[in-house]
Amino acid sequence: MYMNTFTFIVEYLGGTYISQFESLDMMTAFDRWVTDFSHSEFITEKEGTVIRWWASQDDMPPCIIENVKNIWFWEVRINRKYLRLHIIKTNIT
């Protein structure tokens, strides 16, 4: 099976964090990003718990951006601050 590369660009608390994951589909890559970022050194344990909770909500998946291909957006509010995530299917050859 062909693996896709997904690039995750996060803006949170004045910082920009970029990572990539290989996966068959965007939601699997998103789940991997959630696990990785929510346990990273850039955020507190409480913030990580909030991110994992929002990501587990069925009515809060990343939404595809209209009129462009293979780009999604996800935004959540954590303690009055916004985490903004762009996901780009970035097949690298």
C-alpha atoms as a PDB file:
ATOM      1  CA  MET A   1       0.000   0.000   0.000  1.00  0.00           C
ATOM      2  CA  TYR A   2       1.092   3.532  -0.745  1.00  0.00           C
ATOM      3  CA  MET A   3       1.772   5.748   2.265  1.00  0.00           C
ATOM      4  CA  ASN A   4       1.038   9.452   2.086  1.00  0.00           C
ATOM      5  CA  THR A   5       3.012  12.162   3.848  1.00  0.00           C
ATOM      6  CA  PHE A   6       1.003  14.714   5.818  1.00  0.00           C
ATOM      7  CA  THR A   7       2.530  17.970   7.041  1.00  0.00           C
ATOM      8  CA  PHE A   8       1.123  19.516  10.224  1.00  0.00           C
ATOM      9  CA  ILE A   9       1.626  23.235  10.837  1.00  0.00           C
ATOM     10  CA  VAL A  10       0.485  24.358  14.291  1.00  0.00           C
ATOM     11  CA  GLU A  11       0.214  27.882  15.645  1.00  0.00           C
ATOM     12  CA  TYR A  12      -0.133  28.077  19.424  1.00  0.00           C
ATOM     13  CA  LEU A  13       0.934  30.629  22.036  1.00  0.00           C
ATOM     14  CA  GLY A  14       3.015  32.610  19.561  1.00  0.00           C
ATOM     15  CA  GLY A  15       4.941  29.586  18.310  1.00  0.00           C
ATOM     16  CA  THR A  16       4.779  27.649  15.076  1.00  0.00           C
ATOM     17  CA  TYR A  17       5.410  23.900  15.201  1.00  0.00           C
ATOM     18  CA  ILE A  18       5.828  21.767  12.100  1.00  0.00           C
ATOM     19  CA  SER A  19       5.874  17.978  11.869  1.00  0.00           C
ATOM     20  CA  GLN A  20       5.223  15.256   9.311  1.00  0.00           C
ATOM     21  CA  PHE A  21       3.669  11.806   9.532  1.00  0.00           C
ATOM     22  CA  GLU A  22       3.256   9.049   6.984  1.00  0.00           C
ATOM     23  CA  SER A  23      -0.112   7.363   6.845  1.00  0.00           C
ATOM     24  CA  LEU A  24      -2.650   5.865   4.476  1.00  0.00           C
ATOM     25  CA  ASP A  25      -5.177   8.592   5.274  1.00  0.00           C
ATOM     26  CA  MET A  26      -5.440  11.986   6.917  1.00  0.00           C
ATOM     27  CA  MET A  27      -7.412  10.899   9.999  1.00  0.00           C
ATOM     28  CA  THR A  28      -4.840   8.268  10.947  1.00  0.00           C
ATOM     29  CA  ALA A  29      -2.083  10.844  10.537  1.00  0.00           C
ATOM     30  CA  PHE A  30      -4.149  13.318  12.596  1.00  0.00           C
ATOM     31  CA  ASP A  31      -4.494  10.770  15.410  1.00  0.00           C
ATOM     32  CA  ARG A  32      -0.718  10.274  15.390  1.00  0.00           C
ATOM     33  CA  TRP A  33      -0.162  14.037  15.475  1.00  0.00           C
ATOM     34  CA  VAL A  34      -2.573  14.417  18.424  1.00  0.00           C
ATOM     35  CA  THR A  35      -0.689  11.775  20.412  1.00  0.00           C
ATOM     36  CA  ASP A  36       2.698  13.246  19.545  1.00  0.00           C
ATOM     37  CA  PHE A  37       1.883  16.941  20.077  1.00  0.00           C
ATOM     38  CA  SER A  38      -0.229  16.435  23.204  1.00  0.00           C
ATOM     39  CA  HIS A  39       2.788  14.821  24.898  1.00  0.00           C
ATOM     40  CA  SER A  40       5.373  17.288  23.578  1.00  0.00           C
ATOM     41  CA  GLU A  41       7.586  19.616  25.570  1.00  0.00           C
ATOM     42  CA  PHE A  42       5.825  22.648  24.062  1.00  0.00           C
ATOM     43  CA  ILE A  43       2.630  22.308  26.088  1.00  0.00           C
ATOM     44  CA  THR A  44       1.561  21.399  29.600  1.00  0.00           C
ATOM     45  CA  GLU A  45       0.021  18.088  30.577  1.00  0.00           C
ATOM     46  CA  LYS A  46      -3.336  19.827  31.100  1.00  0.00           C
ATOM     47  CA  GLU A  47      -3.214  21.390  27.619  1.00  0.00           C
ATOM     48  CA  GLY A  48      -2.374  17.982  26.166  1.00  0.00           C
ATOM     49  CA  THR A  49      -5.411  16.485  27.880  1.00  0.00           C
ATOM     50  CA  VAL A  50      -7.632  19.212  26.398  1.00  0.00           C
ATOM     51  CA  ILE A  51      -6.217  18.629  22.899  1.00  0.00           C
ATOM     52  CA  ARG A  52      -6.837  14.884  23.155  1.00  0.00           C
ATOM     53  CA  TRP A  53     -10.394  15.515  24.397  1.00  0.00           C
ATOM     54  CA  TRP A  54     -11.240  17.862  21.504  1.00  0.00           C
ATOM     55  CA  ALA A  55      -9.707  15.464  18.995  1.00  0.00           C
ATOM     56  CA  SER A  56     -11.879  12.636  20.321  1.00  0.00           C
ATOM     57  CA  GLN A  57     -15.110  14.532  19.611  1.00  0.00           C
ATOM     58  CA  ASP A  58     -16.804  13.078  16.541  1.00  0.00           C
ATOM     59  CA  ASP A  59     -18.298  16.440  15.619  1.00  0.00           C
ATOM     60  CA  MET A  60     -14.898  18.208  15.664  1.00  0.00           C
ATOM     61  CA  PRO A  61     -12.794  16.596  12.911  1.00  0.00           C
ATOM     62  CA  PRO A  62     -10.418  18.662  10.791  1.00  0.00           C
ATOM     63  CA  CYS A  63     -12.416  20.256   7.981  1.00  0.00           C
ATOM     64  CA  ILE A  64     -11.297  20.245   4.383  1.00  0.00           C
ATOM     65  CA  ILE A  65     -10.671  23.698   2.974  1.00  0.00           C
ATOM     66  CA  GLU A  66     -12.885  24.372  -0.010  1.00  0.00           C
ATOM     67  CA  ASN A  67     -11.511  25.143  -3.470  1.00  0.00           C
ATOM     68  CA  VAL A  68      -8.092  23.635  -2.763  1.00  0.00           C
ATOM     69  CA  LYS A  69      -6.937  20.031  -2.752  1.00  0.00           C
ATOM     70  CA  ASN A  70      -5.620  18.061   0.189  1.00  0.00           C
ATOM     71  CA  ILE A  71      -5.623  20.803   2.852  1.00  0.00           C
ATOM     72  CA  TRP A  72      -7.503  20.638   6.159  1.00  0.00           C
ATOM     73  CA  PHE A  73      -7.934  23.011   9.111  1.00  0.00           C
ATOM     74  CA  TRP A  74      -8.619  22.327  12.792  1.00  0.00           C
ATOM     75  CA  GLU A  75      -9.006  24.888  15.553  1.00  0.00           C
ATOM     76  CA  VAL A  76      -9.637  24.458  19.258  1.00  0.00           C
ATOM     77  CA  ARG A  77      -9.727  26.804  22.204  1.00  0.00           C
ATOM     78  CA  ILE A  78      -7.559  25.972  25.187  1.00  0.00           C
ATOM     79  CA  ASN A  79      -7.743  28.215  28.249  1.00  0.00           C
ATOM     80  CA  ARG A  80      -8.905  31.243  26.225  1.00  0.00           C
ATOM     81  CA  LYS A  81      -6.181  30.726  23.630  1.00  0.00           C
ATOM     82  CA  TYR A  82      -6.569  29.188  20.180  1.00  0.00           C
ATOM     83  CA  LEU A  83      -4.592  26.321  18.709  1.00  0.00           C
ATOM     84  CA  ARG A  84      -4.744  26.451  14.910  1.00  0.00           C
ATOM     85  CA  LEU A  85      -3.654  23.488  12.833  1.00  0.00           C
ATOM     86  CA  HIS A  86      -3.234  23.212   9.078  1.00  0.00           C
ATOM     87  CA  ILE A  87      -2.810  19.746   7.604  1.00  0.00           C
ATOM     88  CA  ILE A  88      -1.406  19.377   4.105  1.00  0.00           C
ATOM     89  CA  LYS A  89      -1.155  16.148   2.156  1.00  0.00           C
ATOM     90  CA  THR A  90       2.426  16.511   0.990  1.00  0.00           C
ATOM     91  CA  ASN A  91       3.473  13.600  -1.164  1.00  0.00           C
ATOM     92  CA  ILE A  92       7.218  13.710  -1.428  1.00  0.00           C
ATOM     93  CA  THR A  93       8.943  12.085  -4.388  1.00  0.00           C
END
